[in-house]
C-alpha atoms as a PDB file:
ATOM      1  CA  MET A   1     109.267  60.986  47.814  1.00  0.00           C
ATOM      2  CA  ALA A   2     108.975  64.276  49.689  1.00  0.00           C
ATOM      3  CA  HIS A   3     112.146  66.395  50.141  1.00  0.00           C
ATOM      4  CA  GLU A   4     113.364  66.671  53.564  1.00  0.00           C
ATOM      5  CA  PRO A   5     115.686  69.470  54.579  1.00  0.00           C
ATOM      6  CA  ARG A   6     119.244  68.479  55.228  1.00  0.00           C
ATOM      7  CA  LEU A   7     119.126  69.553  58.961  1.00  0.00           C
ATOM      8  CA  THR A   8     115.949  67.546  59.545  1.00  0.00           C
ATOM      9  CA  ALA A   9     117.475  64.487  57.922  1.00  0.00           C
ATOM     10  CA  ALA A  10     120.723  64.767  60.050  1.00  0.00           C
ATOM     11  CA  LEU A  11     118.627  65.175  63.207  1.00  0.00           C
ATOM     12  CA  ARG A  12     116.589  62.135  62.190  1.00  0.00           C
ATOM     13  CA  GLU A  13     119.842  60.068  61.571  1.00  0.00           C
ATOM     14  CA  LEU A  14     121.265  61.142  64.909  1.00  0.00           C
ATOM     15  CA  LEU A  15     118.219  60.360  66.884  1.00  0.00           C
ATOM     16  CA  ALA A  16     117.909  56.886  65.200  1.00  0.00           C
ATOM     17  CA  SER A  17     121.566  56.031  65.478  1.00  0.00           C
ATOM     18  CA  GLN A  18     122.085  57.012  69.162  1.00  0.00           C
ATOM     19  CA  ARG A  19     120.403  55.251  71.960  1.00  0.00           C
ATOM     20  CA  ILE A  20     121.450  57.204  75.084  1.00  0.00           C
ATOM     21  CA  ALA A  21     121.222  60.804  76.028  1.00  0.00           C
ATOM     22  CA  ALA A  22     122.166  63.182  78.708  1.00  0.00           C
ATOM     23  CA  LEU A  23     119.078  64.381  80.760  1.00  0.00           C
ATOM     24  CA  GLY A  24     119.389  67.632  82.609  1.00  0.00           C
ATOM     25  CA  THR A  25     116.879  68.399  85.358  1.00  0.00           C
ATOM     26  CA  LEU A  26     116.717  70.532  88.408  1.00  0.00           C
ATOM     27  CA  ASP A  27     116.597  69.375  91.843  1.00  0.00           C
ATOM     28  CA  GLU A  28     114.500  70.913  94.804  1.00  0.00           C
ATOM     29  CA  THR A  29     117.117  73.506  95.458  1.00  0.00           C
ATOM     30  CA  GLY A  30     117.277  74.463  91.861  1.00  0.00           C
ATOM     31  CA  ALA A  31     120.601  72.808  91.378  1.00  0.00           C
ATOM     32  CA  PRO A  32     121.257  71.175  88.015  1.00  0.00           C
ATOM     33  CA  PHE A  33     121.454  67.349  87.822  1.00  0.00           C
ATOM     34  CA  VAL A  34     122.417  65.476  84.745  1.00  0.00           C
ATOM     35  CA  SER A  35     121.984  61.827  84.224  1.00  0.00           C
ATOM     36  CA  MET A  36     122.259  59.222  81.493  1.00  0.00           C
ATOM     37  CA  VAL A  37     119.042  57.722  80.077  1.00  0.00           C
ATOM     38  CA  PRO A  38     118.248  55.400  77.107  1.00  0.00           C
ATOM     39  CA  PHE A  39     115.713  56.787  74.885  1.00  0.00           C
ATOM     40  CA  ALA A  40     113.366  55.578  72.100  1.00  0.00           C
ATOM     41  CA  VAL A  41     111.506  57.513  69.485  1.00  0.00           C
ATOM     42  CA  LEU A  42     107.832  57.726  69.355  1.00  0.00           C
ATOM     43  CA  PRO A  43     107.425  58.694  65.486  1.00  0.00           C
ATOM     44  CA  LEU A  44     103.730  58.875  65.224  1.00  0.00           C
ATOM     45  CA  ALA A  45     103.483  61.241  68.200  1.00  0.00           C
ATOM     46  CA  GLY A  46     106.847  63.158  67.366  1.00  0.00           C
ATOM     47  CA  GLU A  47     108.144  62.499  70.798  1.00  0.00           C
ATOM     48  CA  LEU A  48     110.762  60.665  72.695  1.00  0.00           C
ATOM     49  CA  VAL A  49     110.203  58.067  75.523  1.00  0.00           C
ATOM     50  CA  ILE A  50     112.363  57.151  78.510  1.00  0.00           C
ATOM     51  CA  HIS A  51     111.722  54.320  81.081  1.00  0.00           C
ATOM     52  CA  VAL A  52     112.692  55.512  84.580  1.00  0.00           C
ATOM     53  CA  SER A  53     112.687  54.303  88.196  1.00  0.00           C
ATOM     54  CA  GLY A  54     110.709  56.268  90.728  1.00  0.00           C
ATOM     55  CA  LEU A  55     113.831  55.885  92.895  1.00  0.00           C
ATOM     56  CA  ALA A  56     115.990  57.863  90.479  1.00  0.00           C
ATOM     57  CA  ALA A  57     116.869  61.456  91.345  1.00  0.00           C
ATOM     58  CA  HIS A  58     115.966  62.528  87.746  1.00  0.00           C
ATOM     59  CA  THR A  59     112.375  60.995  87.953  1.00  0.00           C
ATOM     60  CA  ARG A  60     111.647  62.863  91.202  1.00  0.00           C
ATOM     61  CA  ASN A  61     113.084  66.039  89.602  1.00  0.00           C
ATOM     62  CA  LEU A  62     110.734  65.591  86.648  1.00  0.00           C
ATOM     63  CA  GLU A  63     107.755  64.878  88.657  1.00  0.00           C
ATOM     64  CA  ARG A  64     108.302  68.245  90.530  1.00  0.00           C
ATOM     65  CA  LEU A  65     109.322  70.143  87.365  1.00  0.00           C
ATOM     66  CA  PRO A  66     108.633  68.499  84.092  1.00  0.00           C
ATOM     67  CA  ARG A  67     110.640  70.846  81.927  1.00  0.00           C
ATOM     68  CA  ALA A  68     114.048  69.321  81.201  1.00  0.00           C
ATOM     69  CA  SER A  69     116.935  69.389  78.612  1.00  0.00           C
ATOM     70  CA  LEU A  70     118.025  66.297  76.730  1.00  0.00           C
ATOM     71  CA  MET A  71     121.302  66.191  74.850  1.00  0.00           C
ATOM     72  CA  VAL A  72     121.949  63.496  72.207  1.00  0.00           C
ATOM     73  CA  CYS A  73     125.432  63.255  70.711  1.00  0.00           C
ATOM     74  CA  GLN A  74     127.128  60.968  68.357  1.00  0.00           C
ATOM     75  CA  ALA A  75     129.614  58.592  70.020  1.00  0.00           C
ATOM     76  CA  GLU A  76     133.324  59.583  69.957  1.00  0.00           C
ATOM     77  CA  VAL A  77     135.599  57.862  67.350  1.00  0.00           C
ATOM     78  CA  ALA A  78     139.065  57.190  68.764  1.00  0.00           C
ATOM     79  CA  GLY A  79     141.606  59.361  67.115  1.00  0.00           C
ATOM     80  CA  GLU A  80     139.018  61.673  65.616  1.00  0.00           C
ATOM     81  CA  PRO A  81     138.346  65.322  66.599  1.00  0.00           C
ATOM     82  CA  VAL A  82     135.414  65.600  69.115  1.00  0.00           C
ATOM     83  CA  HIS A  83     134.617  69.235  68.694  1.00  0.00           C
ATOM     84  CA  ALA A  84     132.461  68.826  65.616  1.00  0.00           C
ATOM     85  CA  LEU A  85     130.491  65.695  66.720  1.00  0.00           C
ATOM     86  CA  PRO A  86     126.849  65.848  65.558  1.00  0.00           C
ATOM     87  CA  ARG A  87     124.760  66.632  68.489  1.00  0.00           C
ATOM     88  CA  VAL A  88     121.474  68.307  69.524  1.00  0.00           C
ATOM     89  CA  THR A  89     120.153  69.603  72.856  1.00  0.00           C
ATOM     90  CA  LEU A  90     116.374  69.464  73.069  1.00  0.00           C
ATOM     91  CA  ASP A  91     113.995  71.335  75.301  1.00  0.00           C
ATOM     92  CA  VAL A  92     111.397  68.862  76.472  1.00  0.00           C
ATOM     93  CA  ASN A  93     108.391  68.403  78.880  1.00  0.00           C
ATOM     94  CA  ALA A  94     108.065  65.114  80.502  1.00  0.00           C
ATOM     95  CA  LEU A  95     104.638  63.673  80.635  1.00  0.00           C
ATOM     96  CA  PRO A  96     103.732  60.356  82.390  1.00  0.00           C
ATOM     97  CA  CYS A  97     102.266  57.472  80.433  1.00  0.00           C
ATOM     98  CA  GLU A  98      99.330  56.004  82.524  1.00  0.00           C
ATOM     99  CA  PRO A  99      99.444  52.270  82.597  1.00  0.00           C
ATOM    100  CA  GLY A 100      96.665  50.849  80.325  1.00  0.00           C
ATOM    101  CA  SER A 101      96.467  53.955  78.175  1.00  0.00           C
ATOM    102  CA  ALA A 102      97.307  54.018  74.426  1.00  0.00           C
ATOM    103  CA  ALA A 103     100.287  56.322  75.092  1.00  0.00           C
ATOM    104  CA  HIS A 104     101.660  53.683  77.587  1.00  0.00           C
ATOM    105  CA  GLY A 105     101.237  50.877  75.035  1.00  0.00           C
ATOM    106  CA  ALA A 106     102.918  52.962  72.263  1.00  0.00           C
ATOM    107  CA  ALA A 107     105.734  54.007  74.630  1.00  0.00           C
ATOM    108  CA  ARG A 108     106.301  50.390  75.799  1.00  0.00           C
ATOM    109  CA  GLU A 109     106.315  49.130  72.156  1.00  0.00           C
ATOM    110  CA  ALA A 110     108.858  51.659  70.981  1.00  0.00           C
ATOM    111  CA  TYR A 111     111.033  51.273  73.901  1.00  0.00           C
ATOM    112  CA  LEU A 112     111.189  47.501  73.729  1.00  0.00           C
ATOM    113  CA  ALA A 113     111.820  47.557  69.990  1.00  0.00           C
ATOM    114  CA  ARG A 114     114.920  49.422  70.881  1.00  0.00           C
ATOM    115  CA  PHE A 115     115.978  47.890  74.125  1.00  0.00           C
ATOM    116  CA  PRO A 116     114.265  44.285  74.106  1.00  0.00           C
ATOM    117  CA  GLU A 117     116.577  43.402  77.087  1.00  0.00           C
ATOM    118  CA  ALA A 118     114.677  45.918  79.238  1.00  0.00           C
ATOM    119  CA  GLU A 119     111.368  43.871  79.161  1.00  0.00           C
ATOM    120  CA  PRO A 120     111.795  42.454  82.687  1.00  0.00           C
ATOM    121  CA  MET A 121     112.181  45.898  83.974  1.00  0.00           C
ATOM    122  CA  THR A 122     108.677  46.909  82.516  1.00  0.00           C
ATOM    123  CA  ALA A 123     107.092  44.511  85.128  1.00  0.00           C
ATOM    124  CA  LEU A 124     108.752  46.322  88.203  1.00  0.00           C
ATOM    125  CA  GLY A 125     106.361  48.543  89.982  1.00  0.00           C
ATOM    126  CA  ASP A 126     108.698  51.602  90.548  1.00  0.00           C
ATOM    127  CA  PHE A 127     109.444  51.906  86.831  1.00  0.00           C
ATOM    128  CA  ARG A 128     107.330  54.102  84.499  1.00  0.00           C
ATOM    129  CA  PHE A 129     107.403  55.339  80.949  1.00  0.00           C
ATOM    130  CA  LEU A 130     107.599  59.104  80.340  1.00  0.00           C
ATOM    131  CA  ARG A 131     106.970  60.808  77.047  1.00  0.00           C
ATOM    132  CA  LEU A 132     109.358  63.595  76.316  1.00  0.00           C
ATOM    133  CA  VAL A 133     107.405  66.195  74.408  1.00  0.00           C
ATOM    134  CA  PRO A 134     109.840  68.463  72.449  1.00  0.00           C
ATOM    135  CA  GLY A 135     109.381  72.272  72.689  1.00  0.00           C
ATOM    136  CA  GLY A 136     112.233  72.848  70.267  1.00  0.00           C
ATOM    137  CA  ALA A 137     115.976  73.018  70.188  1.00  0.00           C
ATOM    138  CA  ARG A 138     118.558  75.536  69.336  1.00  0.00           C
ATOM    139  CA  SER A 139     118.153  76.713  65.767  1.00  0.00           C
ATOM    140  CA  ILE A 140     115.372  74.236  65.317  1.00  0.00           C
ATOM    141  CA  ASP A 141     111.615  75.202  65.850  1.00  0.00           C
ATOM    142  CA  ALA A 142     109.264  72.753  67.446  1.00  0.00           C
ATOM    143  CA  ASP A 143     107.526  71.868  64.074  1.00  0.00           C
ATOM    144  CA  GLU A 144     110.781  70.908  62.440  1.00  0.00           C
ATOM    145  CA  LEU A 145     111.823  68.854  65.476  1.00  0.00           C
ATOM    146  CA  ARG A 146     108.509  67.034  65.330  1.00  0.00           C
ATOM    147  CA  GLN A 147     109.029  66.319  61.565  1.00  0.00           C
ATOM    148  CA  ALA A 148     112.443  64.870  62.296  1.00  0.00           C
ATOM    149  CA  LEU A 149     111.034  62.588  65.114  1.00  0.00           C
ATOM    150  CA  GLY A 150     108.093  61.597  62.874  1.00  0.00           C
ATOM    151  CA  PRO A 151     107.900  58.968  60.165  1.00  0.00           C
ATOM    152  CA  ALA A 152     110.370  59.278  57.412  1.00  0.00           C
ATOM    153  CA  PRO A 153     109.041  60.783  54.229  1.00  0.00           C
END
């Protein structure tokens, strides 16, 4: 079995154990906008996927400016200190998954494996899958991040 650095293993565990993230985008005036998004991991691509409505402000923001910030944080435990919760903020570029493409099929499969209850929403015309391609994270370069998002060793 290949050795995986401790930080990579911790990041892999965080992204596998948490299902929602805070997505930071910029609106048309340059004002920040943060929203909650469920996400899934595309391990073979080393990417994340979200399923968004064209009616949502974050979707319009990403269509205009695909660079975004995504923060994943371990859930708070009642009575425990919150300042040391495991968390990561990723720099990402949002890319559309064209219906009928291999990327769309992989995104749909990964997302529904994590959120089977969302299957009816995948048939709605205003919803689409976006791949979130990581550019890096604080103290983590893009290669290590892709390794953490990829298949476990």
